[in-house]
Amino acid sequence: MIEGKKVLLASGCSFTFEDWNWPGHLSRKLNLNILNKGMASQGNGLISRKVISGLDELLKTHKKEEVLVGVMWSGFNRHEY
């Protein structure tokens, strides 16, 4: 687990997935560790569940003030089956 430093928890679709996308840039700019739950082809349901489970993980080792959450929502019409 990521310890000893503030953390950016990111979740979203393919625009979030890789380190060269917005979470990578933001974490470097703010000097944060990153826990990236992004994945290509995700719907909003899976995006939200991943950010909730990621936050639950992080709060076991970090104070709430040490975690920044960023979400890039997918299209409202994208659903997982």
PDB file of N, CA and C in Angstrom:
ATOM      1  N   MET A   1       0.840  -1.189   0.000  1.00  0.00           N
ATOM      2  CA  MET A   1       0.000   0.000   0.000  1.00  0.00           C
ATOM      3  C   MET A   1       0.879   1.244   0.000  1.00  0.00           C
ATOM      4  N   ILE A   2       0.343   2.321  -0.451  1.00  0.00           N
ATOM      5  CA  ILE A   2       1.031   3.602  -0.537  1.00  0.00           C
ATOM      6  C   ILE A   2       1.022   4.245   0.853  1.00  0.00           C
ATOM      7  N   GLU A   3       2.204   4.473   1.428  1.00  0.00           N
ATOM      8  CA  GLU A   3       2.266   5.062   2.755  1.00  0.00           C
ATOM      9  C   GLU A   3       3.237   6.227   2.788  1.00  0.00           C
ATOM     10  N   GLY A   4       3.051   7.086   3.790  1.00  0.00           N
ATOM     11  CA  GLY A   4       4.013   8.138   4.049  1.00  0.00           C
ATOM     12  C   GLY A   4       3.864   9.404   3.233  1.00  0.00           C
ATOM     13  N   LYS A   5       2.863   9.493   2.395  1.00  0.00           N
ATOM     14  CA  LYS A   5       2.712  10.663   1.542  1.00  0.00           C
ATOM     15  C   LYS A   5       1.240  10.809   1.179  1.00  0.00           C
ATOM     16  N   LYS A   6       0.833  12.020   0.892  1.00  0.00           N
ATOM     17  CA  LYS A   6      -0.540  12.233   0.450  1.00  0.00           C
ATOM     18  C   LYS A   6      -0.774  11.528  -0.880  1.00  0.00           C
ATOM     19  N   VAL A   7      -2.030  11.166  -1.143  1.00  0.00           N
ATOM     20  CA  VAL A   7      -2.349  10.306  -2.278  1.00  0.00           C
ATOM     21  C   VAL A   7      -3.474  10.883  -3.117  1.00  0.00           C
ATOM     22  N   LEU A   8      -3.327  10.763  -4.427  1.00  0.00           N
ATOM     23  CA  LEU A   8      -4.405  11.037  -5.364  1.00  0.00           C
ATOM     24  C   LEU A   8      -5.040   9.705  -5.733  1.00  0.00           C
ATOM     25  N   LEU A   9      -6.320   9.554  -5.442  1.00  0.00           N
ATOM     26  CA  LEU A   9      -7.093   8.394  -5.866  1.00  0.00           C
ATOM     27  C   LEU A   9      -7.863   8.806  -7.106  1.00  0.00           C
ATOM     28  N   ALA A  10      -7.585   8.162  -8.220  1.00  0.00           N
ATOM     29  CA  ALA A  10      -8.227   8.500  -9.487  1.00  0.00           C
ATOM     30  C   ALA A  10      -9.039   7.317  -9.992  1.00  0.00           C
ATOM     31  N   SER A  11     -10.187   7.614 -10.576  1.00  0.00           N
ATOM     32  CA  SER A  11     -11.009   6.589 -11.198  1.00  0.00           C
ATOM     33  C   SER A  11     -11.645   7.189 -12.443  1.00  0.00           C
ATOM     34  N   GLY A  12     -11.868   6.357 -13.427  1.00  0.00           N
ATOM     35  CA  GLY A  12     -12.490   6.832 -14.649  1.00  0.00           C
ATOM     36  C   GLY A  12     -12.291   5.857 -15.790  1.00  0.00           C
ATOM     37  N   CYS A  13     -12.621   6.308 -16.979  1.00  0.00           N
ATOM     38  CA  CYS A  13     -12.514   5.467 -18.176  1.00  0.00           C
ATOM     39  C   CYS A  13     -11.122   5.603 -18.792  1.00  0.00           C
ATOM     40  N   SER A  14     -10.997   5.416 -20.079  1.00  0.00           N
ATOM     41  CA  SER A  14      -9.691   5.418 -20.742  1.00  0.00           C
ATOM     42  C   SER A  14      -8.965   6.757 -20.634  1.00  0.00           C
ATOM     43  N   PHE A  15      -9.669   7.851 -20.403  1.00  0.00           N
ATOM     44  CA  PHE A  15      -9.012   9.148 -20.232  1.00  0.00           C
ATOM     45  C   PHE A  15      -8.303   9.245 -18.889  1.00  0.00           C
ATOM     46  N   THR A  16      -8.495   8.270 -18.032  1.00  0.00           N
ATOM     47  CA  THR A  16      -7.879   8.227 -16.709  1.00  0.00           C
ATOM     48  C   THR A  16      -6.820   7.153 -16.614  1.00  0.00           C
ATOM     49  N   PHE A  17      -6.907   6.138 -17.448  1.00  0.00           N
ATOM     50  CA  PHE A  17      -6.170   4.890 -17.318  1.00  0.00           C
ATOM     51  C   PHE A  17      -4.650   5.020 -17.249  1.00  0.00           C
ATOM     52  N   GLU A  18      -4.023   5.661 -18.168  1.00  0.00           N
ATOM     53  CA  GLU A  18      -2.558   5.683 -18.260  1.00  0.00           C
ATOM     54  C   GLU A  18      -1.943   6.841 -17.467  1.00  0.00           C
ATOM     55  N   ASP A  19      -0.654   6.692 -17.142  1.00  0.00           N
ATOM     56  CA  ASP A  19       0.059   7.700 -16.361  1.00  0.00           C
ATOM     57  C   ASP A  19       0.201   9.030 -17.093  1.00  0.00           C
ATOM     58  N   TRP A  20       0.153   9.015 -18.426  1.00  0.00           N
ATOM     59  CA  TRP A  20       0.299  10.261 -19.181  1.00  0.00           C
ATOM     60  C   TRP A  20      -1.013  11.041 -19.254  1.00  0.00           C
ATOM     61  N   ASN A  21      -2.102  10.493 -18.749  1.00  0.00           N
ATOM     62  CA  ASN A  21      -3.378  11.213 -18.705  1.00  0.00           C
ATOM     63  C   ASN A  21      -3.441  12.102 -17.465  1.00  0.00           C
ATOM     64  N   TRP A  22      -4.575  12.717 -17.235  1.00  0.00           N
ATOM     65  CA  TRP A  22      -4.697  13.732 -16.190  1.00  0.00           C
ATOM     66  C   TRP A  22      -4.251  13.294 -14.798  1.00  0.00           C
ATOM     67  N   PRO A  23      -4.474  12.048 -14.339  1.00  0.00           N
ATOM     68  CA  PRO A  23      -4.016  11.709 -12.988  1.00  0.00           C
ATOM     69  C   PRO A  23      -2.494  11.786 -12.836  1.00  0.00           C
ATOM     70  N   GLY A  24      -1.772  11.366 -13.851  1.00  0.00           N
ATOM     71  CA  GLY A  24      -0.318  11.445 -13.801  1.00  0.00           C
ATOM     72  C   GLY A  24       0.176  12.879 -13.726  1.00  0.00           C
ATOM     73  N   HIS A  25      -0.399  13.733 -14.565  1.00  0.00           N
ATOM     74  CA  HIS A  25      -0.014  15.150 -14.560  1.00  0.00           C
ATOM     75  C   HIS A  25      -0.351  15.809 -13.224  1.00  0.00           C
ATOM     76  N   LEU A  26      -1.560  15.540 -12.720  1.00  0.00           N
ATOM     77  CA  LEU A  26      -1.995  16.158 -11.463  1.00  0.00           C
ATOM     78  C   LEU A  26      -1.159  15.671 -10.283  1.00  0.00           C
ATOM     79  N   SER A  27      -0.868  14.377 -10.231  1.00  0.00           N
ATOM     80  CA  SER A  27      -0.080  13.852  -9.104  1.00  0.00           C
ATOM     81  C   SER A  27       1.339  14.419  -9.106  1.00  0.00           C
ATOM     82  N   ARG A  28       1.923  14.581 -10.283  1.00  0.00           N
ATOM     83  CA  ARG A  28       3.259  15.181 -10.353  1.00  0.00           C
ATOM     84  C   ARG A  28       3.213  16.659  -9.975  1.00  0.00           C
ATOM     85  N   LYS A  29       2.214  17.368 -10.446  1.00  0.00           N
ATOM     86  CA  LYS A  29       2.086  18.804 -10.147  1.00  0.00           C
ATOM     87  C   LYS A  29       1.918  19.051  -8.647  1.00  0.00           C
ATOM     88  N   LEU A  30       1.125  18.184  -7.985  1.00  0.00           N
ATOM     89  CA  LEU A  30       0.840  18.357  -6.562  1.00  0.00           C
ATOM     90  C   LEU A  30       1.752  17.523  -5.666  1.00  0.00           C
ATOM     91  N   ASN A  31       2.704  16.789  -6.264  1.00  0.00           N
ATOM     92  CA  ASN A  31       3.639  15.938  -5.526  1.00  0.00           C
ATOM     93  C   ASN A  31       2.907  14.909  -4.660  1.00  0.00           C
ATOM     94  N   LEU A  32       2.017  14.155  -5.292  1.00  0.00           N
ATOM     95  CA  LEU A  32       1.219  13.136  -4.611  1.00  0.00           C
ATOM     96  C   LEU A  32       1.550  11.747  -5.153  1.00  0.00           C
ATOM     97  N   ASN A  33       1.473  10.746  -4.288  1.00  0.00           N
ATOM     98  CA  ASN A  33       1.450   9.377  -4.777  1.00  0.00           C
ATOM     99  C   ASN A  33       0.128   9.188  -5.498  1.00  0.00           C
ATOM    100  N   ILE A  34       0.032   8.161  -6.316  1.00  0.00           N
ATOM    101  CA  ILE A  34      -1.199   7.954  -7.079  1.00  0.00           C
ATOM    102  C   ILE A  34      -1.683   6.512  -6.929  1.00  0.00           C
ATOM    103  N   LEU A  35      -2.965   6.374  -6.724  1.00  0.00           N
ATOM    104  CA  LEU A  35      -3.644   5.085  -6.792  1.00  0.00           C
ATOM    105  C   LEU A  35      -4.669   5.242  -7.895  1.00  0.00           C
ATOM    106  N   ASN A  36      -4.346   4.704  -9.070  1.00  0.00           N
ATOM    107  CA  ASN A  36      -5.170   4.905 -10.252  1.00  0.00           C
ATOM    108  C   ASN A  36      -6.033   3.673 -10.504  1.00  0.00           C
ATOM    109  N   LYS A  37      -7.344   3.849 -10.376  1.00  0.00           N
ATOM    110  CA  LYS A  37      -8.304   2.770 -10.601  1.00  0.00           C
ATOM    111  C   LYS A  37      -8.948   2.878 -11.975  1.00  0.00           C
ATOM    112  N   GLY A  38      -8.452   3.759 -12.826  1.00  0.00           N
ATOM    113  CA  GLY A  38      -9.004   3.948 -14.155  1.00  0.00           C
ATOM    114  C   GLY A  38      -8.801   2.739 -15.048  1.00  0.00           C
ATOM    115  N   MET A  39      -9.731   2.546 -15.975  1.00  0.00           N
ATOM    116  CA  MET A  39      -9.652   1.432 -16.908  1.00  0.00           C
ATOM    117  C   MET A  39     -10.486   1.774 -18.138  1.00  0.00           C
ATOM    118  N   ALA A  40     -10.008   1.380 -19.288  1.00  0.00           N
ATOM    119  CA  ALA A  40     -10.733   1.641 -20.527  1.00  0.00           C
ATOM    120  C   ALA A  40     -12.083   0.920 -20.532  1.00  0.00           C
ATOM    121  N   SER A  41     -13.051   1.512 -21.183  1.00  0.00           N
ATOM    122  CA  SER A  41     -14.387   0.938 -21.412  1.00  0.00           C
ATOM    123  C   SER A  41     -15.212   0.740 -20.156  1.00  0.00           C
ATOM    124  N   GLN A  42     -14.985   1.532 -19.125  1.00  0.00           N
ATOM    125  CA  GLN A  42     -15.782   1.423 -17.905  1.00  0.00           C
ATOM    126  C   GLN A  42     -17.028   2.284 -17.992  1.00  0.00           C
ATOM    127  N   GLY A  43     -18.095   1.809 -17.416  1.00  0.00           N
ATOM    128  CA  GLY A  43     -19.288   2.613 -17.230  1.00  0.00           C
ATOM    129  C   GLY A  43     -19.224   3.313 -15.881  1.00  0.00           C
ATOM    130  N   ASN A  44     -20.151   4.231 -15.640  1.00  0.00           N
ATOM    131  CA  ASN A  44     -20.139   5.003 -14.405  1.00  0.00           C
ATOM    132  C   ASN A  44     -20.359   4.159 -13.156  1.00  0.00           C
ATOM    133  N   GLY A  45     -21.101   3.064 -13.279  1.00  0.00           N
ATOM    134  CA  GLY A  45     -21.310   2.187 -12.133  1.00  0.00           C
ATOM    135  C   GLY A  45     -20.002   1.596 -11.638  1.00  0.00           C
ATOM    136  N   LEU A  46     -19.204   1.070 -12.560  1.00  0.00           N
ATOM    137  CA  LEU A  46     -17.918   0.482 -12.193  1.00  0.00           C
ATOM    138  C   LEU A  46     -16.932   1.557 -11.738  1.00  0.00           C
ATOM    139  N   ILE A  47     -16.964   2.707 -12.371  1.00  0.00           N
ATOM    140  CA  ILE A  47     -16.096   3.818 -11.961  1.00  0.00           C
ATOM    141  C   ILE A  47     -16.380   4.178 -10.501  1.00  0.00           C
ATOM    142  N   SER A  48     -17.648   4.318 -10.149  1.00  0.00           N
ATOM    143  CA  SER A  48     -18.004   4.695  -8.777  1.00  0.00           C
ATOM    144  C   SER A  48     -17.646   3.596  -7.784  1.00  0.00           C
ATOM    145  N   ARG A  49     -17.875   2.332  -8.127  1.00  0.00           N
ATOM    146  CA  ARG A  49     -17.531   1.246  -7.204  1.00  0.00           C
ATOM    147  C   ARG A  49     -16.027   1.162  -6.976  1.00  0.00           C
ATOM    148  N   LYS A  50     -15.242   1.420  -8.017  1.00  0.00           N
ATOM    149  CA  LYS A  50     -13.785   1.378  -7.869  1.00  0.00           C
ATOM    150  C   LYS A  50     -13.274   2.524  -6.995  1.00  0.00           C
ATOM    151  N   VAL A  51     -13.863   3.694  -7.120  1.00  0.00           N
ATOM    152  CA  VAL A  51     -13.405   4.809  -6.294  1.00  0.00           C
ATOM    153  C   VAL A  51     -13.823   4.591  -4.834  1.00  0.00           C
ATOM    154  N   ILE A  52     -14.984   4.023  -4.609  1.00  0.00           N
ATOM    155  CA  ILE A  52     -15.427   3.736  -3.240  1.00  0.00           C
ATOM    156  C   ILE A  52     -14.527   2.680  -2.596  1.00  0.00           C
ATOM    157  N   SER A  53     -14.230   1.605  -3.303  1.00  0.00           N
ATOM    158  CA  SER A  53     -13.361   0.567  -2.729  1.00  0.00           C
ATOM    159  C   SER A  53     -11.929   1.073  -2.547  1.00  0.00           C
ATOM    160  N   GLY A  54     -11.450   1.898  -3.485  1.00  0.00           N
ATOM    161  CA  GLY A  54     -10.118   2.483  -3.349  1.00  0.00           C
ATOM    162  C   GLY A  54     -10.013   3.398  -2.147  1.00  0.00           C
ATOM    163  N   LEU A  55     -11.055   4.184  -1.911  1.00  0.00           N
ATOM    164  CA  LEU A  55     -11.066   5.080  -0.755  1.00  0.00           C
ATOM    165  C   LEU A  55     -11.123   4.278   0.535  1.00  0.00           C
ATOM    166  N   ASP A  56     -11.900   3.220   0.546  1.00  0.00           N
ATOM    167  CA  ASP A  56     -11.959   2.341   1.718  1.00  0.00           C
ATOM    168  C   ASP A  56     -10.577   1.768   2.030  1.00  0.00           C
ATOM    169  N   GLU A  57      -9.842   1.344   1.001  1.00  0.00           N
ATOM    170  CA  GLU A  57      -8.463   0.848   1.153  1.00  0.00           C
ATOM    171  C   GLU A  57      -7.547   1.908   1.753  1.00  0.00           C
ATOM    172  N   LEU A  58      -7.586   3.094   1.158  1.00  0.00           N
ATOM    173  CA  LEU A  58      -6.675   4.165   1.571  1.00  0.00           C
ATOM    174  C   LEU A  58      -6.936   4.651   2.988  1.00  0.00           C
ATOM    175  N   LEU A  59      -8.185   4.668   3.408  1.00  0.00           N
ATOM    176  CA  LEU A  59      -8.501   5.174   4.744  1.00  0.00           C
ATOM    177  C   LEU A  59      -8.049   4.231   5.856  1.00  0.00           C
ATOM    178  N   LYS A  60      -7.576   3.055   5.492  1.00  0.00           N
ATOM    179  CA  LYS A  60      -6.987   2.143   6.482  1.00  0.00           C
ATOM    180  C   LYS A  60      -5.574   2.579   6.847  1.00  0.00           C
ATOM    181  N   THR A  61      -4.905   3.323   5.957  1.00  0.00           N
ATOM    182  CA  THR A  61      -3.513   3.720   6.183  1.00  0.00           C
ATOM    183  C   THR A  61      -3.292   5.234   6.149  1.00  0.00           C
ATOM    184  N   HIS A  62      -4.325   5.998   5.767  1.00  0.00           N
ATOM    185  CA  HIS A  62      -4.191   7.448   5.639  1.00  0.00           C
ATOM    186  C   HIS A  62      -5.336   8.160   6.352  1.00  0.00           C
ATOM    187  N   LYS A  63      -5.052   9.375   6.781  1.00  0.00           N
ATOM    188  CA  LYS A  63      -6.118  10.240   7.277  1.00  0.00           C
ATOM    189  C   LYS A  63      -6.879  10.782   6.078  1.00  0.00           C
ATOM    190  N   LYS A  64      -8.146  11.146   6.292  1.00  0.00           N
ATOM    191  CA  LYS A  64      -8.952  11.651   5.173  1.00  0.00           C
ATOM    192  C   LYS A  64      -8.348  12.908   4.554  1.00  0.00           C
ATOM    193  N   GLU A  65      -7.627  13.691   5.340  1.00  0.00           N
ATOM    194  CA  GLU A  65      -6.997  14.916   4.836  1.00  0.00           C
ATOM    195  C   GLU A  65      -5.818  14.627   3.911  1.00  0.00           C
ATOM    196  N   GLU A  66      -5.351  13.383   3.889  1.00  0.00           N
ATOM    197  CA  GLU A  66      -4.202  13.004   3.078  1.00  0.00           C
ATOM    198  C   GLU A  66      -4.598  12.408   1.732  1.00  0.00           C
ATOM    199  N   VAL A  67      -5.896  12.367   1.448  1.00  0.00           N
ATOM    200  CA  VAL A  67      -6.384  11.734   0.221  1.00  0.00           C
ATOM    201  C   VAL A  67      -7.161  12.743  -0.622  1.00  0.00           C
ATOM    202  N   LEU A  68      -6.774  12.857  -1.877  1.00  0.00           N
ATOM    203  CA  LEU A  68      -7.500  13.669  -2.850  1.00  0.00           C
ATOM    204  C   LEU A  68      -8.134  12.705  -3.849  1.00  0.00           C
ATOM    205  N   VAL A  69      -9.436  12.842  -4.089  1.00  0.00           N
ATOM    206  CA  VAL A  69     -10.155  11.954  -4.998  1.00  0.00           C
ATOM    207  C   VAL A  69     -10.500  12.721  -6.267  1.00  0.00           C
ATOM    208  N   GLY A  70     -10.187  12.120  -7.416  1.00  0.00           N
ATOM    209  CA  GLY A  70     -10.540  12.696  -8.710  1.00  0.00           C
ATOM    210  C   GLY A  70     -11.232  11.652  -9.563  1.00  0.00           C
ATOM    211  N   VAL A  71     -12.358  12.024 -10.154  1.00  0.00           N
ATOM    212  CA  VAL A  71     -13.129  11.085 -10.971  1.00  0.00           C
ATOM    213  C   VAL A  71     -13.421  11.733 -12.320  1.00  0.00           C
ATOM    214  N   MET A  72     -13.195  10.988 -13.392  1.00  0.00           N
ATOM    215  CA  MET A  72     -13.618  11.414 -14.722  1.00  0.00           C
ATOM    216  C   MET A  72     -14.731  10.477 -15.150  1.00  0.00           C
ATOM    217  N   TRP A  73     -15.950  10.991 -15.083  1.00  0.00           N
ATOM    218  CA  TRP A  73     -17.122  10.183 -15.398  1.00  0.00           C
ATOM    219  C   TRP A  73     -17.197   9.901 -16.885  1.00  0.00           C
ATOM    220  N   SER A  74     -17.760   8.768 -17.200  1.00  0.00           N
ATOM    221  CA  SER A  74     -17.972   8.357 -18.574  1.00  0.00           C
ATOM    222  C   SER A  74     -19.284   8.976 -19.077  1.00  0.00           C
ATOM    223  N   GLY A  75     -19.684   8.643 -20.289  1.00  0.00           N
ATOM    224  CA  GLY A  75     -20.963   9.107 -20.806  1.00  0.00           C
ATOM    225  C   GLY A  75     -22.110   8.539 -20.005  1.00  0.00           C
ATOM    226  N   PHE A  76     -23.171   9.302 -19.839  1.00  0.00           N
ATOM    227  CA  PHE A  76     -24.316   8.852 -19.031  1.00  0.00           C
ATOM    228  C   PHE A  76     -24.984   7.612 -19.606  1.00  0.00           C
ATOM    229  N   ASN A  77     -24.785   7.372 -20.902  1.00  0.00           N
ATOM    230  CA  ASN A  77     -25.430   6.235 -21.548  1.00  0.00           C
ATOM    231  C   ASN A  77     -24.558   4.981 -21.591  1.00  0.00           C
ATOM    232  N   ARG A  78     -23.374   5.013 -20.985  1.00  0.00           N
ATOM    233  CA  ARG A  78     -22.491   3.850 -20.977  1.00  0.00           C
ATOM    234  C   ARG A  78     -22.787   3.019 -19.727  1.00  0.00           C
ATOM    235  N   HIS A  79     -23.130   1.759 -19.951  1.00  0.00           N
ATOM    236  CA  HIS A  79     -23.461   0.844 -18.850  1.00  0.00           C
ATOM    237  C   HIS A  79     -22.681  -0.446 -19.013  1.00  0.00           C
ATOM    238  N   GLU A  80     -22.403  -1.091 -17.890  1.00  0.00           N
ATOM    239  CA  GLU A  80     -21.761  -2.399 -17.965  1.00  0.00           C
ATOM    240  C   GLU A  80     -22.836  -3.494 -17.874  1.00  0.00           C
ATOM    241  N   TYR A  81     -22.562  -4.620 -18.480  1.00  0.00           N
ATOM    242  CA  TYR A  81     -23.498  -5.740 -18.475  1.00  0.00           C
ATOM    243  C   TYR A  81     -22.833  -6.963 -17.909  1.00  0.00           C
TER     244      TYR A  81
END
